[in-house]
């Protein structure tokens, strides 16, 4: 089991963010008593990495939570569990990629053409 400071150091995520993720149900810790220190299973590091990467590409915490709900809570996630997460998130990522590609195409054609014409 890992302490919150160990998880924070290994994941490079602030302890306050870890507590926030836990309050939102994205990760979970084990405590012997309500006032005891938080301890995390090492599997939490993969969940945190997923949270961070998913946020970077624009997924909301709600969407991330929906994906993480596909993983088991009481045992470490197996490769098949993460495959289910990948299948669930892929359509959302595909839509995000399409929006980005559309914007890039507009920037390269319409907006650049108009910008050059306005300067002439």
PDB file of N, CA and C in Angstrom:
ATOM      1  N   UNK A   1       0.846  -1.180   0.000  1.00  0.00           N
ATOM      2  CA  UNK A   1       0.000   0.000   0.000  1.00  0.00           C
ATOM      3  C   UNK A   1       0.892   1.245   0.000  1.00  0.00           C
ATOM      4  N   UNK A   2       0.386   2.295  -0.597  1.00  0.00           N
ATOM      5  CA  UNK A   2       1.129   3.547  -0.728  1.00  0.00           C
ATOM      6  C   UNK A   2       0.440   4.646   0.074  1.00  0.00           C
ATOM      7  N   UNK A   3       1.240   5.510   0.681  1.00  0.00           N
ATOM      8  CA  UNK A   3       0.676   6.671   1.362  1.00  0.00           C
ATOM      9  C   UNK A   3       0.338   7.734   0.322  1.00  0.00           C
ATOM     10  N   UNK A   4      -0.409   8.728   0.734  1.00  0.00           N
ATOM     11  CA  UNK A   4      -0.772   9.801  -0.191  1.00  0.00           C
ATOM     12  C   UNK A   4       0.469  10.540  -0.673  1.00  0.00           C
ATOM     13  N   UNK A   5       1.456  10.696   0.192  1.00  0.00           N
ATOM     14  CA  UNK A   5       2.671  11.383  -0.246  1.00  0.00           C
ATOM     15  C   UNK A   5       3.438  10.550  -1.268  1.00  0.00           C
ATOM     16  N   UNK A   6       3.445   9.221  -1.112  1.00  0.00           N
ATOM     17  CA  UNK A   6       4.107   8.365  -2.095  1.00  0.00           C
ATOM     18  C   UNK A   6       3.379   8.418  -3.444  1.00  0.00           C
ATOM     19  N   UNK A   7       2.057   8.378  -3.400  1.00  0.00           N
ATOM     20  CA  UNK A   7       1.280   8.460  -4.641  1.00  0.00           C
ATOM     21  C   UNK A   7       1.515   9.811  -5.300  1.00  0.00           C
ATOM     22  N   UNK A   8       1.527  10.867  -4.503  1.00  0.00           N
ATOM     23  CA  UNK A   8       1.754  12.209  -5.027  1.00  0.00           C
ATOM     24  C   UNK A   8       3.119  12.306  -5.702  1.00  0.00           C
ATOM     25  N   UNK A   9       4.132  11.777  -5.048  1.00  0.00           N
ATOM     26  CA  UNK A   9       5.492  11.827  -5.598  1.00  0.00           C
ATOM     27  C   UNK A   9       5.590  11.007  -6.882  1.00  0.00           C
ATOM     28  N   UNK A  10       5.062   9.804  -6.870  1.00  0.00           N
ATOM     29  CA  UNK A  10       5.160   8.923  -8.040  1.00  0.00           C
ATOM     30  C   UNK A  10       4.340   9.429  -9.229  1.00  0.00           C
ATOM     31  N   UNK A  11       3.188  10.006  -8.955  1.00  0.00           N
ATOM     32  CA  UNK A  11       2.307  10.443 -10.043  1.00  0.00           C
ATOM     33  C   UNK A  11       2.542  11.895 -10.442  1.00  0.00           C
ATOM     34  N   UNK A  12       3.297  12.617  -9.607  1.00  0.00           N
ATOM     35  CA  UNK A  12       3.535  14.050  -9.809  1.00  0.00           C
ATOM     36  C   UNK A  12       2.221  14.832  -9.811  1.00  0.00           C
ATOM     37  N   UNK A  13       1.307  14.397  -8.945  1.00  0.00           N
ATOM     38  CA  UNK A  13       0.019  15.048  -8.749  1.00  0.00           C
ATOM     39  C   UNK A  13      -0.042  15.474  -7.285  1.00  0.00           C
ATOM     40  N   UNK A  14      -0.450  16.697  -7.048  1.00  0.00           N
ATOM     41  CA  UNK A  14      -0.511  17.221  -5.687  1.00  0.00           C
ATOM     42  C   UNK A  14      -1.447  16.399  -4.809  1.00  0.00           C
ATOM     43  N   UNK A  15      -1.100  16.302  -3.535  1.00  0.00           N
ATOM     44  CA  UNK A  15      -1.943  15.564  -2.596  1.00  0.00           C
ATOM     45  C   UNK A  15      -3.351  16.152  -2.560  1.00  0.00           C
ATOM     46  N   UNK A  16      -3.462  17.460  -2.689  1.00  0.00           N
ATOM     47  CA  UNK A  16      -4.791  18.082  -2.689  1.00  0.00           C
ATOM     48  C   UNK A  16      -5.613  17.614  -3.890  1.00  0.00           C
ATOM     49  N   UNK A  17      -4.972  17.423  -5.043  1.00  0.00           N
ATOM     50  CA  UNK A  17      -5.668  16.907  -6.227  1.00  0.00           C
ATOM     51  C   UNK A  17      -6.092  15.462  -5.996  1.00  0.00           C
ATOM     52  N   UNK A  18      -5.246  14.681  -5.345  1.00  0.00           N
ATOM     53  CA  UNK A  18      -5.603  13.290  -5.045  1.00  0.00           C
ATOM     54  C   UNK A  18      -6.827  13.240  -4.130  1.00  0.00           C
ATOM     55  N   UNK A  19      -6.860  14.107  -3.125  1.00  0.00           N
ATOM     56  CA  UNK A  19      -8.023  14.156  -2.240  1.00  0.00           C
ATOM     57  C   UNK A  19      -9.266  14.587  -3.016  1.00  0.00           C
ATOM     58  N   UNK A  20      -9.091  15.515  -3.961  1.00  0.00           N
ATOM     59  CA  UNK A  20     -10.203  15.945  -4.809  1.00  0.00           C
ATOM     60  C   UNK A  20     -10.706  14.784  -5.654  1.00  0.00           C
ATOM     61  N   UNK A  21      -9.792  14.054  -6.289  1.00  0.00           N
ATOM     62  CA  UNK A  21     -10.178  12.897  -7.097  1.00  0.00           C
ATOM     63  C   UNK A  21     -10.930  11.876  -6.241  1.00  0.00           C
ATOM     64  N   UNK A  22     -10.455  11.690  -5.022  1.00  0.00           N
ATOM     65  CA  UNK A  22     -11.113  10.737  -4.136  1.00  0.00           C
ATOM     66  C   UNK A  22     -12.511  11.222  -3.750  1.00  0.00           C
ATOM     67  N   UNK A  23     -12.649  12.497  -3.479  1.00  0.00           N
ATOM     68  CA  UNK A  23     -13.962  13.059  -3.144  1.00  0.00           C
ATOM     69  C   UNK A  23     -14.935  12.916  -4.309  1.00  0.00           C
ATOM     70  N   UNK A  24     -14.427  12.990  -5.534  1.00  0.00           N
ATOM     71  CA  UNK A  24     -15.261  12.837  -6.731  1.00  0.00           C
ATOM     72  C   UNK A  24     -15.496  11.371  -7.094  1.00  0.00           C
ATOM     73  N   UNK A  25     -14.881  10.442  -6.362  1.00  0.00           N
ATOM     74  CA  UNK A  25     -15.072   9.022  -6.629  1.00  0.00           C
ATOM     75  C   UNK A  25     -14.226   8.474  -7.753  1.00  0.00           C
ATOM     76  N   UNK A  26     -13.212   9.229  -8.188  1.00  0.00           N
ATOM     77  CA  UNK A  26     -12.359   8.775  -9.292  1.00  0.00           C
ATOM     78  C   UNK A  26     -11.299   7.784  -8.826  1.00  0.00           C
ATOM     79  N   UNK A  27     -10.851   7.934  -7.599  1.00  0.00           N
ATOM     80  CA  UNK A  27      -9.905   6.992  -6.990  1.00  0.00           C
ATOM     81  C   UNK A  27     -10.414   6.690  -5.582  1.00  0.00           C
ATOM     82  N   UNK A  28      -9.867   5.651  -4.983  1.00  0.00           N
ATOM     83  CA  UNK A  28     -10.277   5.331  -3.620  1.00  0.00           C
ATOM     84  C   UNK A  28      -9.068   4.925  -2.796  1.00  0.00           C
ATOM     85  N   UNK A  29      -9.192   5.158  -1.507  1.00  0.00           N
ATOM     86  CA  UNK A  29      -8.139   4.787  -0.579  1.00  0.00           C
ATOM     87  C   UNK A  29      -8.724   3.833   0.457  1.00  0.00           C
ATOM     88  N   UNK A  30      -7.831   3.270   1.240  1.00  0.00           N
ATOM     89  CA  UNK A  30      -8.223   2.376   2.322  1.00  0.00           C
ATOM     90  C   UNK A  30      -7.790   3.041   3.622  1.00  0.00           C
ATOM     91  N   UNK A  31      -8.713   3.059   4.570  1.00  0.00           N
ATOM     92  CA  UNK A  31      -8.391   3.595   5.896  1.00  0.00           C
ATOM     93  C   UNK A  31      -8.870   2.610   6.942  1.00  0.00           C
ATOM     94  N   UNK A  32      -8.022   2.350   7.919  1.00  0.00           N
ATOM     95  CA  UNK A  32      -8.415   1.455   8.998  1.00  0.00           C
ATOM     96  C   UNK A  32      -9.504   2.112   9.851  1.00  0.00           C
ATOM     97  N   UNK A  33      -9.414   3.420  10.012  1.00  0.00           N
ATOM     98  CA  UNK A  33     -10.394   4.196  10.772  1.00  0.00           C
ATOM     99  C   UNK A  33     -10.633   5.493  10.015  1.00  0.00           C
ATOM    100  N   UNK A  34     -11.783   6.146  10.232  1.00  0.00           N
ATOM    101  CA  UNK A  34     -12.059   7.399   9.513  1.00  0.00           C
ATOM    102  C   UNK A  34     -10.986   8.472   9.696  1.00  0.00           C
ATOM    103  N   UNK A  35     -10.320   8.484  10.831  1.00  0.00           N
ATOM    104  CA  UNK A  35      -9.287   9.497  11.074  1.00  0.00           C
ATOM    105  C   UNK A  35      -7.893   9.024  10.689  1.00  0.00           C
ATOM    106  N   UNK A  36      -7.770   7.783  10.239  1.00  0.00           N
ATOM    107  CA  UNK A  36      -6.457   7.232   9.868  1.00  0.00           C
ATOM    108  C   UNK A  36      -5.986   7.812   8.539  1.00  0.00           C
ATOM    109  N   UNK A  37      -4.697   7.664   8.303  1.00  0.00           N
ATOM    110  CA  UNK A  37      -4.118   8.126   7.026  1.00  0.00           C
ATOM    111  C   UNK A  37      -4.649   7.322   5.856  1.00  0.00           C
ATOM    112  N   UNK A  38      -4.677   7.987   4.715  1.00  0.00           N
ATOM    113  CA  UNK A  38      -5.081   7.311   3.491  1.00  0.00           C
ATOM    114  C   UNK A  38      -3.948   6.405   3.013  1.00  0.00           C
ATOM    115  N   UNK A  39      -4.326   5.230   2.529  1.00  0.00           N
ATOM    116  CA  UNK A  39      -3.392   4.320   1.875  1.00  0.00           C
ATOM    117  C   UNK A  39      -4.031   3.879   0.570  1.00  0.00           C
ATOM    118  N   UNK A  40      -3.215   3.796  -0.460  1.00  0.00           N
ATOM    119  CA  UNK A  40      -3.701   3.480  -1.794  1.00  0.00           C
ATOM    120  C   UNK A  40      -3.021   2.223  -2.317  1.00  0.00           C
ATOM    121  N   UNK A  41      -3.789   1.448  -3.063  1.00  0.00           N
ATOM    122  CA  UNK A  41      -3.226   0.301  -3.757  1.00  0.00           C
ATOM    123  C   UNK A  41      -2.378   0.850  -4.905  1.00  0.00           C
ATOM    124  N   UNK A  42      -1.253   0.228  -5.222  1.00  0.00           N
ATOM    125  CA  UNK A  42      -0.414   0.720  -6.331  1.00  0.00           C
ATOM    126  C   UNK A  42      -1.160   0.879  -7.656  1.00  0.00           C
ATOM    127  N   UNK A  43      -2.258   0.148  -7.848  1.00  0.00           N
ATOM    128  CA  UNK A  43      -3.078   0.250  -9.062  1.00  0.00           C
ATOM    129  C   UNK A  43      -3.623   1.660  -9.259  1.00  0.00           C
ATOM    130  N   UNK A  44      -3.685   2.437  -8.192  1.00  0.00           N
ATOM    131  CA  UNK A  44      -4.227   3.795  -8.298  1.00  0.00           C
ATOM    132  C   UNK A  44      -3.373   4.655  -9.231  1.00  0.00           C
ATOM    133  N   UNK A  45      -2.115   4.317  -9.371  1.00  0.00           N
ATOM    134  CA  UNK A  45      -1.230   5.103 -10.237  1.00  0.00           C
ATOM    135  C   UNK A  45      -1.689   5.049 -11.695  1.00  0.00           C
ATOM    136  N   UNK A  46      -2.162   3.905 -12.149  1.00  0.00           N
ATOM    137  CA  UNK A  46      -2.678   3.798 -13.524  1.00  0.00           C
ATOM    138  C   UNK A  46      -3.943   4.626 -13.676  1.00  0.00           C
ATOM    139  N   UNK A  47      -4.795   4.615 -12.670  1.00  0.00           N
ATOM    140  CA  UNK A  47      -6.020   5.420 -12.715  1.00  0.00           C
ATOM    141  C   UNK A  47      -5.685   6.910 -12.786  1.00  0.00           C
ATOM    142  N   UNK A  48      -4.723   7.327 -11.993  1.00  0.00           N
ATOM    143  CA  UNK A  48      -4.331   8.739 -11.984  1.00  0.00           C
ATOM    144  C   UNK A  48      -3.747   9.139 -13.330  1.00  0.00           C
ATOM    145  N   UNK A  49      -2.930   8.279 -13.904  1.00  0.00           N
ATOM    146  CA  UNK A  49      -2.376   8.576 -15.227  1.00  0.00           C
ATOM    147  C   UNK A  49      -3.497   8.715 -16.255  1.00  0.00           C
ATOM    148  N   UNK A  50      -4.492   7.830 -16.181  1.00  0.00           N
ATOM    149  CA  UNK A  50      -5.628   7.932 -17.096  1.00  0.00           C
ATOM    150  C   UNK A  50      -6.371   9.252 -16.884  1.00  0.00           C
ATOM    151  N   UNK A  51      -6.603   9.616 -15.638  1.00  0.00           N
ATOM    152  CA  UNK A  51      -7.307  10.880 -15.331  1.00  0.00           C
ATOM    153  C   UNK A  51      -6.553  12.047 -15.943  1.00  0.00           C
ATOM    154  N   UNK A  52      -5.257  12.101 -15.720  1.00  0.00           N
ATOM    155  CA  UNK A  52      -4.442  13.206 -16.220  1.00  0.00           C
ATOM    156  C   UNK A  52      -4.450  13.268 -17.745  1.00  0.00           C
ATOM    157  N   UNK A  53      -4.251  12.134 -18.398  1.00  0.00           N
ATOM    158  CA  UNK A  53      -4.216  12.103 -19.860  1.00  0.00           C
ATOM    159  C   UNK A  53      -5.584  12.451 -20.445  1.00  0.00           C
ATOM    160  N   UNK A  54      -6.638  11.924 -19.843  1.00  0.00           N
ATOM    161  CA  UNK A  54      -7.991  12.195 -20.330  1.00  0.00           C
ATOM    162  C   UNK A  54      -8.337  13.676 -20.187  1.00  0.00           C
ATOM    163  N   UNK A  55      -7.912  14.292 -19.091  1.00  0.00           N
ATOM    164  CA  UNK A  55      -8.137  15.732 -18.932  1.00  0.00           C
ATOM    165  C   UNK A  55      -7.375  16.526 -19.982  1.00  0.00           C
ATOM    166  N   UNK A  56      -6.170  16.097 -20.295  1.00  0.00           N
ATOM    167  CA  UNK A  56      -5.354  16.794 -21.287  1.00  0.00           C
ATOM    168  C   UNK A  56      -6.022  16.839 -22.649  1.00  0.00           C
ATOM    169  N   UNK A  57      -6.794  15.812 -22.987  1.00  0.00           N
ATOM    170  CA  UNK A  57      -7.446  15.780 -24.297  1.00  0.00           C
ATOM    171  C   UNK A  57      -8.876  16.291 -24.252  1.00  0.00           C
ATOM    172  N   UNK A  58      -9.277  16.836 -23.111  1.00  0.00           N
ATOM    173  CA  UNK A  58     -10.557  17.521 -23.043  1.00  0.00           C
ATOM    174  C   UNK A  58     -11.720  16.766 -22.447  1.00  0.00           C
ATOM    175  N   UNK A  59     -11.507  15.596 -21.881  1.00  0.00           N
ATOM    176  CA  UNK A  59     -12.605  14.901 -21.233  1.00  0.00           C
ATOM    177  C   UNK A  59     -12.922  15.567 -19.898  1.00  0.00           C
ATOM    178  N   UNK A  60     -14.192  15.647 -19.592  1.00  0.00           N
ATOM    179  CA  UNK A  60     -14.616  16.216 -18.308  1.00  0.00           C
ATOM    180  C   UNK A  60     -14.416  15.180 -17.206  1.00  0.00           C
ATOM    181  N   UNK A  61     -14.421  15.641 -15.969  1.00  0.00           N
ATOM    182  CA  UNK A  61     -14.296  14.695 -14.864  1.00  0.00           C
ATOM    183  C   UNK A  61     -15.484  13.741 -14.826  1.00  0.00           C
ATOM    184  N   UNK A  62     -16.650  14.197 -15.264  1.00  0.00           N
ATOM    185  CA  UNK A  62     -17.808  13.311 -15.348  1.00  0.00           C
ATOM    186  C   UNK A  62     -17.587  12.191 -16.341  1.00  0.00           C
ATOM    187  N   UNK A  63     -17.060  12.537 -17.519  1.00  0.00           N
ATOM    188  CA  UNK A  63     -16.761  11.522 -18.535  1.00  0.00           C
ATOM    189  C   UNK A  63     -15.684  10.560 -18.039  1.00  0.00           C
ATOM    190  N   UNK A  64     -14.694  11.107 -17.368  1.00  0.00           N
ATOM    191  CA  UNK A  64     -13.618  10.275 -16.827  1.00  0.00           C
ATOM    192  C   UNK A  64     -14.182   9.325 -15.776  1.00  0.00           C
ATOM    193  N   UNK A  65     -15.048   9.845 -14.922  1.00  0.00           N
ATOM    194  CA  UNK A  65     -15.677   9.010 -13.905  1.00  0.00           C
ATOM    195  C   UNK A  65     -16.496   7.886 -14.512  1.00  0.00           C
ATOM    196  N   UNK A  66     -17.209   8.186 -15.608  1.00  0.00           N
ATOM    197  CA  UNK A  66     -17.982   7.141 -16.297  1.00  0.00           C
ATOM    198  C   UNK A  66     -17.063   6.033 -16.799  1.00  0.00           C
ATOM    199  N   UNK A  67     -15.905   6.413 -17.317  1.00  0.00           N
ATOM    200  CA  UNK A  67     -14.947   5.411 -17.804  1.00  0.00           C
ATOM    201  C   UNK A  67     -14.374   4.595 -16.643  1.00  0.00           C
ATOM    202  N   UNK A  68     -13.981   5.280 -15.582  1.00  0.00           N
ATOM    203  CA  UNK A  68     -13.380   4.580 -14.450  1.00  0.00           C
ATOM    204  C   UNK A  68     -14.382   3.682 -13.732  1.00  0.00           C
ATOM    205  N   UNK A  69     -15.669   3.980 -13.874  1.00  0.00           N
ATOM    206  CA  UNK A  69     -16.699   3.135 -13.262  1.00  0.00           C
ATOM    207  C   UNK A  69     -16.709   1.735 -13.880  1.00  0.00           C
ATOM    208  N   UNK A  70     -16.093   1.591 -15.041  1.00  0.00           N
ATOM    209  CA  UNK A  70     -16.004   0.280 -15.694  1.00  0.00           C
ATOM    210  C   UNK A  70     -14.940  -0.608 -15.049  1.00  0.00           C
ATOM    211  N   UNK A  71     -14.081  -0.014 -14.235  1.00  0.00           N
ATOM    212  CA  UNK A  71     -13.006  -0.766 -13.586  1.00  0.00           C
ATOM    213  C   UNK A  71     -13.482  -1.309 -12.243  1.00  0.00           C
ATOM    214  N   UNK A  72     -12.932  -2.454 -11.822  1.00  0.00           N
ATOM    215  CA  UNK A  72     -13.301  -2.984 -10.506  1.00  0.00           C
ATOM    216  C   UNK A  72     -12.808  -2.065  -9.395  1.00  0.00           C
ATOM    217  N   UNK A  73     -13.574  -1.988  -8.317  1.00  0.00           N
ATOM    218  CA  UNK A  73     -13.196  -1.119  -7.193  1.00  0.00           C
ATOM    219  C   UNK A  73     -12.347  -1.849  -6.157  1.00  0.00           C
ATOM    220  N   UNK A  74     -12.594  -3.136  -5.980  1.00  0.00           N
ATOM    221  CA  UNK A  74     -11.952  -3.845  -4.874  1.00  0.00           C
ATOM    222  C   UNK A  74     -10.720  -4.657  -5.282  1.00  0.00           C
ATOM    223  N   UNK A  75     -10.472  -4.749  -6.566  1.00  0.00           N
ATOM    224  CA  UNK A  75      -9.306  -5.494  -7.045  1.00  0.00           C
ATOM    225  C   UNK A  75      -8.592  -4.669  -8.107  1.00  0.00           C
ATOM    226  N   UNK A  76      -7.314  -4.935  -8.337  1.00  0.00           N
ATOM    227  CA  UNK A  76      -6.602  -4.222  -9.394  1.00  0.00           C
ATOM    228  C   UNK A  76      -7.241  -4.486 -10.759  1.00  0.00           C
ATOM    229  N   UNK A  77      -7.217  -3.474 -11.594  1.00  0.00           N
ATOM    230  CA  UNK A  77      -7.783  -3.604 -12.939  1.00  0.00           C
ATOM    231  C   UNK A  77      -6.900  -4.487 -13.799  1.00  0.00           C
ATOM    232  N   UNK A  78      -7.526  -5.393 -14.514  1.00  0.00           N
ATOM    233  CA  UNK A  78      -6.825  -6.274 -15.440  1.00  0.00           C
ATOM    234  C   UNK A  78      -6.772  -5.608 -16.815  1.00  0.00           C
ATOM    235  N   UNK A  79      -5.977  -6.172 -17.693  1.00  0.00           N
ATOM    236  CA  UNK A  79      -5.875  -5.637 -19.053  1.00  0.00           C
ATOM    237  C   UNK A  79      -7.253  -5.597 -19.721  1.00  0.00           C
ATOM    238  N   UNK A  80      -8.063  -6.609 -19.496  1.00  0.00           N
ATOM    239  CA  UNK A  80      -9.407  -6.639 -20.095  1.00  0.00           C
ATOM    240  C   UNK A  80     -10.286  -5.504 -19.564  1.00  0.00           C
ATOM    241  N   UNK A  81     -10.076  -5.105 -18.312  1.00  0.00           N
ATOM    242  CA  UNK A  81     -10.830  -3.979 -17.753  1.00  0.00           C
ATOM    243  C   UNK A  81     -10.445  -2.682 -18.454  1.00  0.00           C
ATOM    244  N   UNK A  82      -9.141  -2.501 -18.655  1.00  0.00           N
ATOM    245  CA  UNK A  82      -8.679  -1.291 -19.341  1.00  0.00           C
ATOM    246  C   UNK A  82      -9.100  -1.306 -20.814  1.00  0.00           C
ATOM    247  N   UNK A  83      -9.219  -2.491 -21.405  1.00  0.00           N
ATOM    248  CA  UNK A  83      -9.716  -2.601 -22.776  1.00  0.00           C
ATOM    249  C   UNK A  83     -11.152  -2.103 -22.853  1.00  0.00           C
ATOM    250  N   UNK A  84     -11.951  -2.427 -21.838  1.00  0.00           N
ATOM    251  CA  UNK A  84     -13.335  -1.938 -21.790  1.00  0.00           C
ATOM    252  C   UNK A  84     -13.364  -0.409 -21.681  1.00  0.00           C
ATOM    253  N   UNK A  85     -12.456   0.162 -20.913  1.00  0.00           N
ATOM    254  CA  UNK A  85     -12.357   1.624 -20.802  1.00  0.00           C
ATOM    255  C   UNK A  85     -11.984   2.206 -22.164  1.00  0.00           C
ATOM    256  N   UNK A  86     -11.023   1.587 -22.832  1.00  0.00           N
ATOM    257  CA  UNK A  86     -10.597   2.075 -24.155  1.00  0.00           C
ATOM    258  C   UNK A  86     -11.757   2.049 -25.142  1.00  0.00           C
ATOM    259  N   UNK A  87     -12.541   0.976 -25.140  1.00  0.00           N
ATOM    260  CA  UNK A  87     -13.696   0.898 -26.034  1.00  0.00           C
ATOM    261  C   UNK A  87     -14.725   1.981 -25.708  1.00  0.00           C
ATOM    262  N   UNK A  88     -14.890   2.269 -24.443  1.00  0.00           N
ATOM    263  CA  UNK A  88     -15.886   3.275 -24.035  1.00  0.00           C
ATOM    264  C   UNK A  88     -15.456   4.691 -24.407  1.00  0.00           C
ATOM    265  N   UNK A  89     -14.180   4.983 -24.308  1.00  0.00           N
ATOM    266  CA  UNK A  89     -13.706   6.356 -24.512  1.00  0.00           C
ATOM    267  C   UNK A  89     -13.356   6.648 -25.967  1.00  0.00           C
ATOM    268  N   UNK A  90     -13.105   5.634 -26.765  1.00  0.00           N
ATOM    269  CA  UNK A  90     -12.681   5.838 -28.147  1.00  0.00           C
ATOM    270  C   UNK A  90     -13.647   6.681 -28.977  1.00  0.00           C
ATOM    271  N   UNK A  91     -14.964   6.462 -28.917  1.00  0.00           N
ATOM    272  CA  UNK A  91     -15.866   7.320 -29.710  1.00  0.00           C
ATOM    273  C   UNK A  91     -15.757   8.802 -29.327  1.00  0.00           C
ATOM    274  N   UNK A  92     -15.601   9.083 -28.055  1.00  0.00           N
ATOM    275  CA  UNK A  92     -15.457  10.478 -27.600  1.00  0.00           C
ATOM    276  C   UNK A  92     -14.155  11.059 -28.137  1.00  0.00           C
ATOM    277  N   UNK A  93     -13.085  10.293 -28.093  1.00  0.00           N
ATOM    278  CA  UNK A  93     -11.798  10.767 -28.608  1.00  0.00           C
ATOM    279  C   UNK A  93     -11.859  10.968 -30.115  1.00  0.00           C
ATOM    280  N   UNK A  94     -12.545  10.076 -30.816  1.00  0.00           N
ATOM    281  CA  UNK A  94     -12.692  10.222 -32.260  1.00  0.00           C
ATOM    282  C   UNK A  94     -13.426  11.519 -32.608  1.00  0.00           C
ATOM    283  N   UNK A  95     -14.461  11.847 -31.833  1.00  0.00           N
ATOM    284  CA  UNK A  95     -15.184  13.113 -32.068  1.00  0.00           C
ATOM    285  C   UNK A  95     -14.270  14.310 -31.802  1.00  0.00           C
ATOM    286  N   UNK A  96     -13.463  14.228 -30.759  1.00  0.00           N
ATOM    287  CA  UNK A  96     -12.533  15.305 -30.424  1.00  0.00           C
ATOM    288  C   UNK A  96     -11.504  15.487 -31.538  1.00  0.00           C
ATOM    289  N   UNK A  97     -10.981  14.405 -32.051  1.00  0.00           N
ATOM    290  CA  UNK A  97     -10.011  14.458 -33.149  1.00  0.00           C
ATOM    291  C   UNK A  97     -10.654  15.089 -34.378  1.00  0.00           C
ATOM    292  N   UNK A  98     -11.890  14.729 -34.685  1.00  0.00           N
ATOM    293  CA  UNK A  98     -12.587  15.293 -35.846  1.00  0.00           C
ATOM    294  C   UNK A  98     -12.750  16.811 -35.700  1.00  0.00           C
ATOM    295  N   UNK A  99     -13.076  17.279 -34.521  1.00  0.00           N
ATOM    296  CA  UNK A  99     -13.224  18.717 -34.285  1.00  0.00           C
ATOM    297  C   UNK A  99     -11.889  19.420 -34.485  1.00  0.00           C
ATOM    298  N   UNK A 100     -10.831  18.840 -33.967  1.00  0.00           N
ATOM    299  CA  UNK A 100      -9.494  19.426 -34.110  1.00  0.00           C
ATOM    300  C   UNK A 100      -9.069  19.453 -35.575  1.00  0.00           C
ATOM    301  N   UNK A 101      -9.310  18.364 -36.291  1.00  0.00           N
ATOM    302  CA  UNK A 101      -8.947  18.315 -37.709  1.00  0.00           C
ATOM    303  C   UNK A 101      -9.745  19.328 -38.521  1.00  0.00           C
ATOM    304  N   UNK A 102     -11.014  19.498 -38.188  1.00  0.00           N
ATOM    305  CA  UNK A 102     -11.844  20.482 -38.876  1.00  0.00           C
ATOM    306  C   UNK A 102     -11.324  21.899 -38.635  1.00  0.00           C
ATOM    307  N   UNK A 103     -10.966  22.187 -37.397  1.00  0.00           N
ATOM    308  CA  UNK A 103     -10.420  23.509 -37.082  1.00  0.00           C
ATOM    309  C   UNK A 103      -9.110  23.733 -37.822  1.00  0.00           C
ATOM    310  N   UNK A 104      -8.262  22.727 -37.850  1.00  0.00           N
ATOM    311  CA  UNK A 104      -6.983  22.860 -38.556  1.00  0.00           C
ATOM    312  C   UNK A 104      -7.216  23.140 -40.037  1.00  0.00           C
ATOM    313  N   UNK A 105      -8.156  22.442 -40.640  1.00  0.00           N
ATOM    314  CA  UNK A 105      -8.458  22.654 -42.060  1.00  0.00           C
ATOM    315  C   UNK A 105      -8.977  24.067 -42.304  1.00  0.00           C
ATOM    316  N   UNK A 106      -9.830  24.550 -41.420  1.00  0.00           N
ATOM    317  CA  UNK A 106     -10.342  25.919 -41.557  1.00  0.00           C
ATOM    318  C   UNK A 106      -9.224  26.936 -41.417  1.00  0.00           C
ATOM    319  N   UNK A 107      -8.360  26.711 -40.458  1.00  0.00           N
ATOM    320  CA  UNK A 107      -7.243  27.643 -40.265  1.00  0.00           C
ATOM    321  C   UNK A 107      -6.339  27.678 -41.488  1.00  0.00           C
ATOM    322  N   UNK A 108      -6.127  26.539 -42.094  1.00  0.00           N
ATOM    323  CA  UNK A 108      -5.234  26.470 -43.252  1.00  0.00           C
ATOM    324  C   UNK A 108      -5.853  27.069 -44.507  1.00  0.00           C
ATOM    325  N   UNK A 109      -7.161  27.002 -44.621  1.00  0.00           N
ATOM    326  CA  UNK A 109      -7.776  27.474 -45.866  1.00  0.00           C
ATOM    327  C   UNK A 109      -8.510  28.800 -45.670  1.00  0.00           C
ATOM    328  N   UNK A 110      -9.687  28.756 -45.136  1.00  0.00           N
ATOM    329  CA  UNK A 110     -10.543  29.939 -45.039  1.00  0.00           C
ATOM    330  C   UNK A 110      -9.874  31.105 -44.311  1.00  0.00           C
ATOM    331  N   UNK A 111      -9.469  30.870 -43.104  1.00  0.00           N
ATOM    332  CA  UNK A 111      -8.985  31.964 -42.285  1.00  0.00           C
ATOM    333  C   UNK A 111      -7.670  32.524 -42.797  1.00  0.00           C
ATOM    334  N   UNK A 112      -6.806  31.647 -43.268  1.00  0.00           N
ATOM    335  CA  UNK A 112      -5.533  32.131 -43.787  1.00  0.00           C
ATOM    336  C   UNK A 112      -5.753  32.926 -45.066  1.00  0.00           C
ATOM    337  N   UNK A 113      -6.651  32.448 -45.926  1.00  0.00           N
ATOM    338  CA  UNK A 113      -6.950  33.151 -47.172  1.00  0.00           C
ATOM    339  C   UNK A 113      -7.537  34.529 -46.887  1.00  0.00           C
ATOM    340  N   UNK A 114      -8.498  34.569 -45.954  1.00  0.00           N
ATOM    341  CA  UNK A 114      -9.125  35.848 -45.601  1.00  0.00           C
ATOM    342  C   UNK A 114      -8.119  36.804 -44.969  1.00  0.00           C
ATOM    343  N   UNK A 115      -7.251  36.267 -44.156  1.00  0.00           N
ATOM    344  CA  UNK A 115      -6.258  37.105 -43.501  1.00  0.00           C
ATOM    345  C   UNK A 115      -5.301  37.717 -44.511  1.00  0.00           C
ATOM    346  N   UNK A 116      -4.861  36.907 -45.480  1.00  0.00           N
ATOM    347  CA  UNK A 116      -3.964  37.405 -46.515  1.00  0.00           C
ATOM    348  C   UNK A 116      -4.678  38.432 -47.408  1.00  0.00           C
ATOM    349  N   UNK A 117      -5.959  38.200 -47.728  1.00  0.00           N
ATOM    350  CA  UNK A 117      -6.718  39.109 -48.574  1.00  0.00           C
ATOM    351  C   UNK A 117      -6.932  40.447 -47.861  1.00  0.00           C
ATOM    352  N   UNK A 118      -7.123  40.393 -46.561  1.00  0.00           N
ATOM    353  CA  UNK A 118      -7.360  41.623 -45.801  1.00  0.00           C
ATOM    354  C   UNK A 118      -6.106  42.483 -45.755  1.00  0.00           C
ATOM    355  N   UNK A 119      -4.957  41.875 -45.852  1.00  0.00           N
ATOM    356  CA  UNK A 119      -3.696  42.628 -45.813  1.00  0.00           C
ATOM    357  C   UNK A 119      -3.386  43.283 -47.158  1.00  0.00           C
ATOM    358  N   UNK A 120      -3.957  42.769 -48.223  1.00  0.00           N
ATOM    359  CA  UNK A 120      -3.626  43.254 -49.563  1.00  0.00           C
ATOM    360  C   UNK A 120      -4.286  44.582 -49.871  1.00  0.00           C
TER     361      UNK A 120
END
